[in-house]
């Protein structure tokens, strides 16, 4: 298995501009001066992805209190993301990356071990981008269940860096 690119603390977060579930254009630059969690998931309305999105929504007030936006990115089309939002009353920003260019730039798409087989796919990942556009935290191959609770427990979300 070849190594996929991985972002590390201090790296500049790759810029992106993607379409949201609401048909709006959203860029990383829209969050300049604010911290943002960018998380990558394989497919809307699947059990693990639904659990993770619902957990981020359930804890959104905690992230908002820490002045942190939450953005979920998948290869799904905006229409499917809109249904995902509606089906589960999601409050987080959902973005579509059908080309997988943003996922690749963040190290969230590439070779992975799927039940003993090497496949190309989305690598469930979560990146905390600081107000200065630098990576504060980067986690790859995370498990959907309990992930948000681990973030709240292990990351210092009240730390301020950058601008």
N, C-alpha and C. Protein backbone atom coordinates (compact mmCIF):
# COMPACT_ATOMS: atom_id res chain seq x y z
N UNK A 1 0.85 -1.18 0.00
CA UNK A 1 0.00 0.00 0.00
C UNK A 1 0.89 1.23 0.00
N UNK A 2 0.65 2.15 -0.91
CA UNK A 2 1.46 3.36 -0.96
C UNK A 2 0.95 4.36 0.07
N UNK A 3 1.85 5.22 0.48
CA UNK A 3 1.48 6.23 1.46
C UNK A 3 0.67 7.33 0.81
N UNK A 4 -0.43 7.70 1.44
CA UNK A 4 -1.22 8.84 1.01
C UNK A 4 -0.64 10.08 1.68
N UNK A 5 -0.82 11.23 1.06
CA UNK A 5 -0.41 12.47 1.68
C UNK A 5 -1.18 12.62 2.99
N UNK A 6 -0.54 13.16 3.99
CA UNK A 6 -1.19 13.43 5.28
C UNK A 6 -0.80 14.83 5.72
N UNK A 7 -1.79 15.61 6.13
CA UNK A 7 -1.51 16.92 6.68
C UNK A 7 -1.08 16.76 8.14
N UNK A 8 -0.23 17.65 8.57
CA UNK A 8 0.26 17.63 9.94
C UNK A 8 0.10 19.01 10.55
N UNK A 9 0.18 19.06 11.87
CA UNK A 9 0.08 20.32 12.58
C UNK A 9 1.08 21.31 12.01
N UNK A 10 0.60 22.53 11.73
CA UNK A 10 1.46 23.58 11.19
C UNK A 10 1.42 23.71 9.68
N UNK A 11 0.93 22.68 8.97
CA UNK A 11 0.79 22.77 7.51
C UNK A 11 -0.29 23.80 7.17
N UNK A 12 -0.14 24.43 6.02
CA UNK A 12 -1.20 25.31 5.52
C UNK A 12 -2.31 24.43 4.96
N UNK A 13 -3.54 24.69 5.40
CA UNK A 13 -4.68 23.91 4.92
C UNK A 13 -4.93 24.25 3.45
N UNK A 14 -5.09 23.24 2.60
CA UNK A 14 -5.36 23.51 1.18
C UNK A 14 -6.66 24.29 0.98
N UNK A 15 -6.61 25.28 0.11
CA UNK A 15 -7.81 26.06 -0.22
C UNK A 15 -8.80 25.16 -0.97
N UNK A 16 -10.08 25.46 -0.80
CA UNK A 16 -11.10 24.76 -1.58
C UNK A 16 -12.30 25.68 -1.81
N UNK A 17 -13.02 25.40 -2.86
CA UNK A 17 -14.31 26.02 -3.15
C UNK A 17 -15.20 24.91 -3.66
N UNK A 18 -16.29 24.64 -2.92
CA UNK A 18 -17.18 23.52 -3.24
C UNK A 18 -18.63 23.99 -3.16
N UNK A 19 -19.53 23.18 -3.68
CA UNK A 19 -20.96 23.47 -3.64
C UNK A 19 -21.59 22.81 -2.43
N UNK A 20 -22.42 23.58 -1.73
CA UNK A 20 -23.09 23.05 -0.53
C UNK A 20 -24.38 22.34 -0.89
N UNK A 21 -24.97 21.71 0.12
CA UNK A 21 -26.26 21.04 -0.05
C UNK A 21 -27.35 22.05 -0.39
N UNK A 22 -27.10 23.33 -0.15
CA UNK A 22 -28.08 24.38 -0.46
C UNK A 22 -27.80 25.01 -1.81
N UNK A 23 -26.81 24.48 -2.55
CA UNK A 23 -26.48 25.01 -3.87
C UNK A 23 -25.60 26.24 -3.82
N UNK A 24 -25.10 26.58 -2.64
CA UNK A 24 -24.24 27.75 -2.48
C UNK A 24 -22.77 27.35 -2.64
N UNK A 25 -21.95 28.30 -3.05
CA UNK A 25 -20.51 28.08 -3.15
C UNK A 25 -19.89 28.43 -1.81
N UNK A 26 -19.11 27.50 -1.26
CA UNK A 26 -18.45 27.69 0.03
C UNK A 26 -16.97 27.44 -0.16
N UNK A 27 -16.16 28.37 0.36
CA UNK A 27 -14.70 28.25 0.27
C UNK A 27 -14.10 28.23 1.66
N UNK A 28 -12.92 27.64 1.78
CA UNK A 28 -12.21 27.71 3.05
C UNK A 28 -11.98 29.17 3.42
N UNK A 29 -11.73 30.02 2.43
CA UNK A 29 -11.50 31.45 2.68
C UNK A 29 -12.69 32.12 3.37
N UNK A 30 -13.90 31.55 3.22
CA UNK A 30 -15.08 32.11 3.89
C UNK A 30 -14.94 32.05 5.41
N UNK A 31 -14.06 31.19 5.90
CA UNK A 31 -13.88 31.01 7.34
C UNK A 31 -12.63 31.71 7.86
N UNK A 32 -12.02 32.56 7.04
CA UNK A 32 -10.79 33.27 7.44
C UNK A 32 -11.02 33.98 8.77
N UNK A 33 -10.07 33.83 9.68
CA UNK A 33 -10.18 34.45 11.00
C UNK A 33 -10.98 33.63 11.98
N UNK A 34 -11.47 32.47 11.55
CA UNK A 34 -12.26 31.59 12.40
C UNK A 34 -11.71 30.18 12.28
N UNK A 35 -11.78 29.42 13.34
CA UNK A 35 -11.36 28.03 13.28
C UNK A 35 -12.48 27.20 12.67
N UNK A 36 -12.11 26.14 11.96
CA UNK A 36 -13.11 25.30 11.30
C UNK A 36 -12.66 23.85 11.34
N UNK A 37 -13.59 22.99 11.70
CA UNK A 37 -13.38 21.54 11.59
C UNK A 37 -13.86 21.15 10.20
N UNK A 38 -12.96 20.56 9.42
CA UNK A 38 -13.30 20.03 8.11
C UNK A 38 -13.21 18.51 8.24
N UNK A 39 -14.35 17.85 8.11
CA UNK A 39 -14.29 16.40 8.21
C UNK A 39 -14.78 15.77 6.92
N UNK A 40 -14.20 14.62 6.61
CA UNK A 40 -14.46 13.93 5.35
C UNK A 40 -15.10 12.58 5.66
N UNK A 41 -16.16 12.27 4.92
CA UNK A 41 -16.89 11.02 5.14
C UNK A 41 -17.26 10.42 3.78
N UNK A 42 -17.39 9.09 3.74
CA UNK A 42 -17.59 8.41 2.45
C UNK A 42 -18.92 8.66 1.75
N UNK A 43 -20.05 8.58 2.47
CA UNK A 43 -21.33 8.62 1.75
C UNK A 43 -22.47 9.00 2.70
N UNK A 44 -23.27 9.95 2.26
CA UNK A 44 -24.43 10.40 3.03
C UNK A 44 -25.43 9.27 3.20
N UNK A 45 -26.13 9.31 4.33
CA UNK A 45 -27.22 8.39 4.65
C UNK A 45 -26.78 6.94 4.79
N UNK A 46 -25.52 6.72 5.14
CA UNK A 46 -25.07 5.38 5.53
C UNK A 46 -24.95 5.41 7.05
N UNK A 47 -24.97 4.26 7.71
CA UNK A 47 -25.03 4.26 9.18
C UNK A 47 -23.90 5.05 9.86
N UNK A 48 -22.65 4.79 9.51
CA UNK A 48 -21.54 5.47 10.18
C UNK A 48 -21.51 6.95 9.88
N UNK A 49 -21.74 7.31 8.63
CA UNK A 49 -21.72 8.72 8.22
C UNK A 49 -22.87 9.48 8.86
N UNK A 50 -24.02 8.84 8.99
CA UNK A 50 -25.16 9.46 9.63
C UNK A 50 -24.88 9.68 11.11
N UNK A 51 -24.32 8.69 11.78
CA UNK A 51 -23.98 8.81 13.20
C UNK A 51 -23.03 9.98 13.41
N UNK A 52 -21.99 10.07 12.58
CA UNK A 52 -20.99 11.12 12.74
C UNK A 52 -21.62 12.51 12.51
N UNK A 53 -22.41 12.66 11.45
CA UNK A 53 -23.04 13.95 11.15
C UNK A 53 -24.02 14.35 12.25
N UNK A 54 -24.78 13.39 12.75
CA UNK A 54 -25.72 13.68 13.84
C UNK A 54 -24.97 14.07 15.11
N UNK A 55 -23.83 13.42 15.38
CA UNK A 55 -23.03 13.76 16.56
C UNK A 55 -22.47 15.17 16.44
N UNK A 56 -21.98 15.56 15.26
CA UNK A 56 -21.50 16.93 15.08
C UNK A 56 -22.64 17.92 15.28
N UNK A 57 -23.83 17.60 14.74
CA UNK A 57 -24.99 18.48 14.91
C UNK A 57 -25.38 18.57 16.38
N UNK A 58 -25.40 17.43 17.06
CA UNK A 58 -25.79 17.40 18.48
C UNK A 58 -24.86 18.26 19.34
N UNK A 59 -23.57 18.32 18.97
CA UNK A 59 -22.59 19.08 19.76
C UNK A 59 -22.23 20.42 19.12
N UNK A 60 -23.02 20.85 18.13
CA UNK A 60 -22.68 22.07 17.41
C UNK A 60 -22.59 23.30 18.32
N UNK A 61 -23.44 23.36 19.34
CA UNK A 61 -23.40 24.50 20.26
C UNK A 61 -22.04 24.60 20.95
N UNK A 62 -21.45 23.46 21.32
CA UNK A 62 -20.14 23.45 21.96
C UNK A 62 -19.09 24.01 21.00
N UNK A 63 -19.15 23.59 19.73
CA UNK A 63 -18.22 24.11 18.73
C UNK A 63 -18.46 25.59 18.49
N UNK A 64 -19.73 25.99 18.39
CA UNK A 64 -20.05 27.41 18.20
C UNK A 64 -19.53 28.25 19.36
N UNK A 65 -19.68 27.75 20.59
CA UNK A 65 -19.19 28.47 21.76
C UNK A 65 -17.68 28.66 21.72
N UNK A 66 -16.99 27.73 21.06
CA UNK A 66 -15.53 27.82 20.91
C UNK A 66 -15.16 28.57 19.61
N UNK A 67 -16.17 29.14 18.93
CA UNK A 67 -15.98 29.87 17.67
C UNK A 67 -15.37 28.98 16.59
N UNK A 68 -15.88 27.75 16.50
CA UNK A 68 -15.42 26.79 15.51
C UNK A 68 -16.60 26.39 14.63
N UNK A 69 -16.43 26.57 13.31
CA UNK A 69 -17.42 26.11 12.35
C UNK A 69 -17.17 24.62 12.07
N UNK A 70 -18.19 23.92 11.61
CA UNK A 70 -18.06 22.50 11.26
C UNK A 70 -18.54 22.31 9.83
N UNK A 71 -17.67 21.70 9.01
CA UNK A 71 -17.96 21.45 7.61
C UNK A 71 -17.70 19.97 7.30
N UNK A 72 -18.70 19.30 6.74
CA UNK A 72 -18.55 17.91 6.32
C UNK A 72 -18.45 17.85 4.80
N UNK A 73 -17.49 17.08 4.31
CA UNK A 73 -17.28 16.96 2.86
C UNK A 73 -17.35 15.49 2.45
N UNK A 74 -18.13 15.22 1.40
CA UNK A 74 -18.22 13.87 0.82
C UNK A 74 -18.28 14.01 -0.70
N UNK A 75 -18.13 12.89 -1.41
CA UNK A 75 -18.24 12.96 -2.87
C UNK A 75 -19.68 13.01 -3.38
N UNK A 76 -20.66 13.00 -2.48
CA UNK A 76 -22.06 13.02 -2.87
C UNK A 76 -22.43 14.32 -3.58
N UNK A 77 -23.41 14.23 -4.48
CA UNK A 77 -23.93 15.40 -5.17
C UNK A 77 -24.72 16.27 -4.17
N UNK A 78 -24.80 17.59 -4.43
CA UNK A 78 -25.52 18.48 -3.51
C UNK A 78 -26.96 18.03 -3.23
N UNK A 79 -27.66 17.46 -4.21
CA UNK A 79 -29.03 17.01 -4.01
C UNK A 79 -29.10 15.89 -2.98
N UNK A 80 -28.14 14.99 -3.01
CA UNK A 80 -28.12 13.90 -2.03
C UNK A 80 -27.78 14.46 -0.65
N UNK A 81 -26.90 15.45 -0.60
CA UNK A 81 -26.57 16.09 0.67
C UNK A 81 -27.77 16.82 1.25
N UNK A 82 -28.58 17.44 0.39
CA UNK A 82 -29.79 18.13 0.85
C UNK A 82 -30.76 17.14 1.48
N UNK A 83 -30.91 15.97 0.86
CA UNK A 83 -31.78 14.93 1.43
C UNK A 83 -31.22 14.43 2.76
N UNK A 84 -29.89 14.27 2.83
CA UNK A 84 -29.21 13.86 4.06
C UNK A 84 -29.52 14.86 5.18
N UNK A 85 -29.38 16.15 4.88
CA UNK A 85 -29.67 17.20 5.87
C UNK A 85 -31.12 17.09 6.34
N UNK A 86 -32.02 16.98 5.37
CA UNK A 86 -33.46 16.94 5.66
C UNK A 86 -33.82 15.68 6.47
N UNK A 87 -33.30 14.53 6.06
CA UNK A 87 -33.63 13.26 6.72
C UNK A 87 -33.23 13.25 8.19
N UNK A 88 -32.14 13.96 8.53
CA UNK A 88 -31.58 13.87 9.88
C UNK A 88 -31.52 15.21 10.60
N UNK A 89 -32.15 16.25 10.04
CA UNK A 89 -32.20 17.58 10.64
C UNK A 89 -30.78 18.07 11.00
N UNK A 90 -29.87 17.93 10.05
CA UNK A 90 -28.47 18.30 10.28
C UNK A 90 -28.31 19.82 10.24
N UNK A 91 -27.45 20.33 11.11
CA UNK A 91 -27.22 21.78 11.22
C UNK A 91 -25.83 22.19 10.75
N UNK A 92 -25.02 21.24 10.37
CA UNK A 92 -23.65 21.53 9.92
C UNK A 92 -23.66 21.82 8.42
N UNK A 93 -22.60 22.44 7.94
CA UNK A 93 -22.45 22.72 6.52
C UNK A 93 -22.00 21.44 5.82
N UNK A 94 -22.69 21.06 4.75
CA UNK A 94 -22.35 19.87 3.97
C UNK A 94 -21.90 20.30 2.59
N UNK A 95 -20.73 19.81 2.16
CA UNK A 95 -20.16 20.19 0.88
C UNK A 95 -19.93 18.98 -0.01
N UNK A 96 -20.08 19.20 -1.31
CA UNK A 96 -19.95 18.15 -2.31
C UNK A 96 -18.59 18.25 -3.01
N UNK A 97 -17.86 17.13 -3.04
CA UNK A 97 -16.55 17.07 -3.71
C UNK A 97 -16.54 15.87 -4.66
N UNK A 98 -17.37 15.91 -5.73
CA UNK A 98 -17.45 14.75 -6.62
C UNK A 98 -16.14 14.44 -7.34
N UNK A 99 -15.30 15.42 -7.57
CA UNK A 99 -14.01 15.19 -8.23
C UNK A 99 -12.99 14.60 -7.26
N UNK A 100 -13.27 14.71 -5.97
CA UNK A 100 -12.40 14.24 -4.88
C UNK A 100 -11.07 15.00 -4.82
N UNK A 101 -10.98 16.15 -5.50
CA UNK A 101 -9.74 16.94 -5.48
C UNK A 101 -9.44 17.49 -4.09
N UNK A 102 -10.46 18.01 -3.41
CA UNK A 102 -10.25 18.53 -2.06
C UNK A 102 -9.90 17.40 -1.12
N UNK A 103 -10.61 16.30 -1.23
CA UNK A 103 -10.31 15.14 -0.38
C UNK A 103 -8.86 14.69 -0.57
N UNK A 104 -8.43 14.63 -1.80
CA UNK A 104 -7.05 14.20 -2.10
C UNK A 104 -6.05 15.19 -1.51
N UNK A 105 -6.32 16.49 -1.67
CA UNK A 105 -5.41 17.52 -1.14
C UNK A 105 -5.27 17.43 0.37
N UNK A 106 -6.34 16.99 1.04
CA UNK A 106 -6.33 16.87 2.50
C UNK A 106 -5.88 15.48 2.98
N UNK A 107 -5.57 14.59 2.05
CA UNK A 107 -5.17 13.24 2.42
C UNK A 107 -6.33 12.35 2.80
N UNK A 108 -7.54 12.74 2.40
CA UNK A 108 -8.74 12.01 2.79
C UNK A 108 -9.30 11.15 1.66
N UNK A 109 -8.52 10.98 0.60
CA UNK A 109 -8.91 10.06 -0.46
C UNK A 109 -7.66 9.37 -0.96
N UNK A 110 -7.75 8.07 -1.13
CA UNK A 110 -6.60 7.32 -1.63
C UNK A 110 -6.73 5.87 -1.26
N UNK A 111 -5.59 5.20 -1.22
CA UNK A 111 -5.60 3.77 -0.90
C UNK A 111 -5.91 3.57 0.57
N UNK A 112 -6.75 2.56 0.81
CA UNK A 112 -7.08 2.19 2.18
C UNK A 112 -7.37 0.71 2.23
N UNK A 113 -7.26 0.17 3.40
CA UNK A 113 -7.53 -1.24 3.63
C UNK A 113 -8.99 -1.37 4.02
N UNK A 114 -9.76 -2.06 3.18
CA UNK A 114 -11.19 -2.23 3.42
C UNK A 114 -11.46 -3.72 3.58
N UNK A 115 -11.54 -4.16 4.83
CA UNK A 115 -11.79 -5.57 5.13
C UNK A 115 -10.77 -6.48 4.45
N UNK A 116 -9.50 -6.08 4.52
CA UNK A 116 -8.42 -6.91 4.00
C UNK A 116 -8.07 -6.68 2.54
N UNK A 117 -8.86 -5.86 1.86
CA UNK A 117 -8.57 -5.54 0.45
C UNK A 117 -8.09 -4.10 0.35
N UNK A 118 -7.11 -3.86 -0.50
CA UNK A 118 -6.64 -2.50 -0.76
C UNK A 118 -7.54 -1.89 -1.83
N UNK A 119 -8.18 -0.78 -1.50
CA UNK A 119 -9.09 -0.11 -2.42
C UNK A 119 -8.82 1.39 -2.42
N UNK A 120 -9.30 2.06 -3.47
CA UNK A 120 -9.28 3.53 -3.51
C UNK A 120 -10.59 4.00 -2.92
N UNK A 121 -10.53 4.96 -2.01
CA UNK A 121 -11.77 5.46 -1.45
C UNK A 121 -11.55 6.61 -0.50
N UNK A 122 -12.66 7.06 0.07
CA UNK A 122 -12.63 8.14 1.04
C UNK A 122 -12.09 7.59 2.35
N UNK A 123 -11.14 8.29 2.92
CA UNK A 123 -10.55 7.94 4.20
C UNK A 123 -11.19 8.87 5.23
N UNK A 124 -11.99 8.31 6.13
CA UNK A 124 -12.69 9.13 7.13
C UNK A 124 -11.65 9.90 7.93
N UNK A 125 -11.70 11.23 7.82
CA UNK A 125 -10.66 12.09 8.39
C UNK A 125 -11.27 13.36 8.95
N UNK A 126 -10.59 13.95 9.93
CA UNK A 126 -11.04 15.20 10.52
C UNK A 126 -9.84 16.11 10.71
N UNK A 127 -9.96 17.34 10.22
CA UNK A 127 -8.90 18.33 10.29
C UNK A 127 -9.43 19.56 11.00
N UNK A 128 -8.70 20.07 11.98
CA UNK A 128 -9.03 21.35 12.61
C UNK A 128 -8.10 22.39 12.03
N UNK A 129 -8.69 23.35 11.31
CA UNK A 129 -7.93 24.43 10.69
C UNK A 129 -8.05 25.65 11.59
N UNK A 130 -6.92 26.23 11.94
CA UNK A 130 -6.90 27.41 12.80
C UNK A 130 -7.34 28.66 12.08
N UNK A 131 -7.56 29.71 12.85
CA UNK A 131 -7.98 31.00 12.29
C UNK A 131 -6.95 31.56 11.31
N UNK A 132 -5.71 31.08 11.44
CA UNK A 132 -4.62 31.53 10.55
C UNK A 132 -4.49 30.66 9.31
N UNK A 133 -5.39 29.67 9.13
CA UNK A 133 -5.34 28.80 7.96
C UNK A 133 -4.37 27.65 8.08
N UNK A 134 -3.79 27.47 9.26
CA UNK A 134 -2.84 26.37 9.50
C UNK A 134 -3.55 25.22 10.20
N UNK A 135 -3.10 24.01 9.92
CA UNK A 135 -3.66 22.82 10.54
C UNK A 135 -3.26 22.78 12.03
N UNK A 136 -4.27 22.66 12.88
CA UNK A 136 -4.02 22.51 14.32
C UNK A 136 -4.05 21.04 14.73
N UNK A 137 -4.96 20.29 14.13
CA UNK A 137 -5.12 18.86 14.40
C UNK A 137 -5.44 18.16 13.09
N UNK A 138 -4.97 16.93 12.94
CA UNK A 138 -5.32 16.13 11.77
C UNK A 138 -5.41 14.67 12.21
N UNK A 139 -6.56 14.08 11.98
CA UNK A 139 -6.77 12.67 12.32
C UNK A 139 -7.29 11.94 11.09
N UNK A 140 -6.71 10.79 10.85
CA UNK A 140 -7.06 9.97 9.69
C UNK A 140 -7.53 8.59 10.13
N UNK A 141 -8.34 7.96 9.29
CA UNK A 141 -8.88 6.62 9.57
C UNK A 141 -9.61 6.59 10.90
N UNK A 142 -10.42 7.61 11.15
CA UNK A 142 -11.15 7.67 12.41
C UNK A 142 -12.38 6.78 12.33
N UNK A 143 -12.86 6.35 13.47
CA UNK A 143 -14.10 5.58 13.55
C UNK A 143 -15.24 6.59 13.77
N UNK A 144 -16.33 6.40 13.05
CA UNK A 144 -17.45 7.34 13.13
C UNK A 144 -18.06 7.37 14.53
N UNK A 145 -18.31 6.21 15.09
CA UNK A 145 -18.95 6.13 16.39
C UNK A 145 -17.99 6.61 17.48
N UNK A 146 -18.43 7.61 18.22
CA UNK A 146 -17.64 8.15 19.32
C UNK A 146 -16.60 9.17 18.91
N UNK A 147 -16.48 9.44 17.61
CA UNK A 147 -15.44 10.35 17.13
C UNK A 147 -15.60 11.77 17.68
N UNK A 148 -16.81 12.31 17.62
CA UNK A 148 -17.03 13.68 18.08
C UNK A 148 -16.76 13.77 19.58
N UNK A 149 -17.18 12.78 20.33
CA UNK A 149 -16.91 12.77 21.77
C UNK A 149 -15.41 12.73 22.05
N UNK A 150 -14.65 11.99 21.23
CA UNK A 150 -13.19 11.95 21.40
C UNK A 150 -12.57 13.31 21.09
N UNK A 151 -13.09 14.01 20.07
CA UNK A 151 -12.61 15.35 19.76
C UNK A 151 -12.84 16.27 20.96
N UNK A 152 -14.03 16.23 21.50
CA UNK A 152 -14.37 17.10 22.63
C UNK A 152 -13.51 16.78 23.85
N UNK A 153 -13.15 15.54 24.01
CA UNK A 153 -12.33 15.12 25.15
C UNK A 153 -10.85 15.43 24.93
N UNK A 154 -10.34 15.20 23.70
CA UNK A 154 -8.90 15.21 23.48
C UNK A 154 -8.34 16.50 22.89
N UNK A 155 -9.15 17.26 22.17
CA UNK A 155 -8.64 18.48 21.53
C UNK A 155 -8.91 19.67 22.42
N UNK A 156 -7.98 20.59 22.48
CA UNK A 156 -8.19 21.83 23.23
C UNK A 156 -8.92 22.80 22.32
N UNK A 157 -10.23 22.77 22.37
CA UNK A 157 -11.02 23.58 21.46
C UNK A 157 -11.09 25.04 21.88
N UNK A 158 -10.65 25.33 23.08
CA UNK A 158 -10.65 26.72 23.53
C UNK A 158 -9.34 27.42 23.25
N UNK A 159 -8.35 26.68 22.76
CA UNK A 159 -7.06 27.30 22.41
C UNK A 159 -7.28 28.23 21.23
N UNK A 160 -6.54 29.30 21.21
CA UNK A 160 -6.61 30.21 20.07
C UNK A 160 -5.25 30.27 19.42
N UNK A 161 -5.26 30.18 18.11
CA UNK A 161 -4.02 30.30 17.36
C UNK A 161 -4.27 31.23 16.20
N UNK A 162 -3.21 31.77 15.69
CA UNK A 162 -3.33 32.59 14.48
C UNK A 162 -3.88 33.96 14.75
N UNK A 163 -4.72 34.42 13.86
CA UNK A 163 -5.21 35.81 13.87
C UNK A 163 -5.94 36.17 15.14
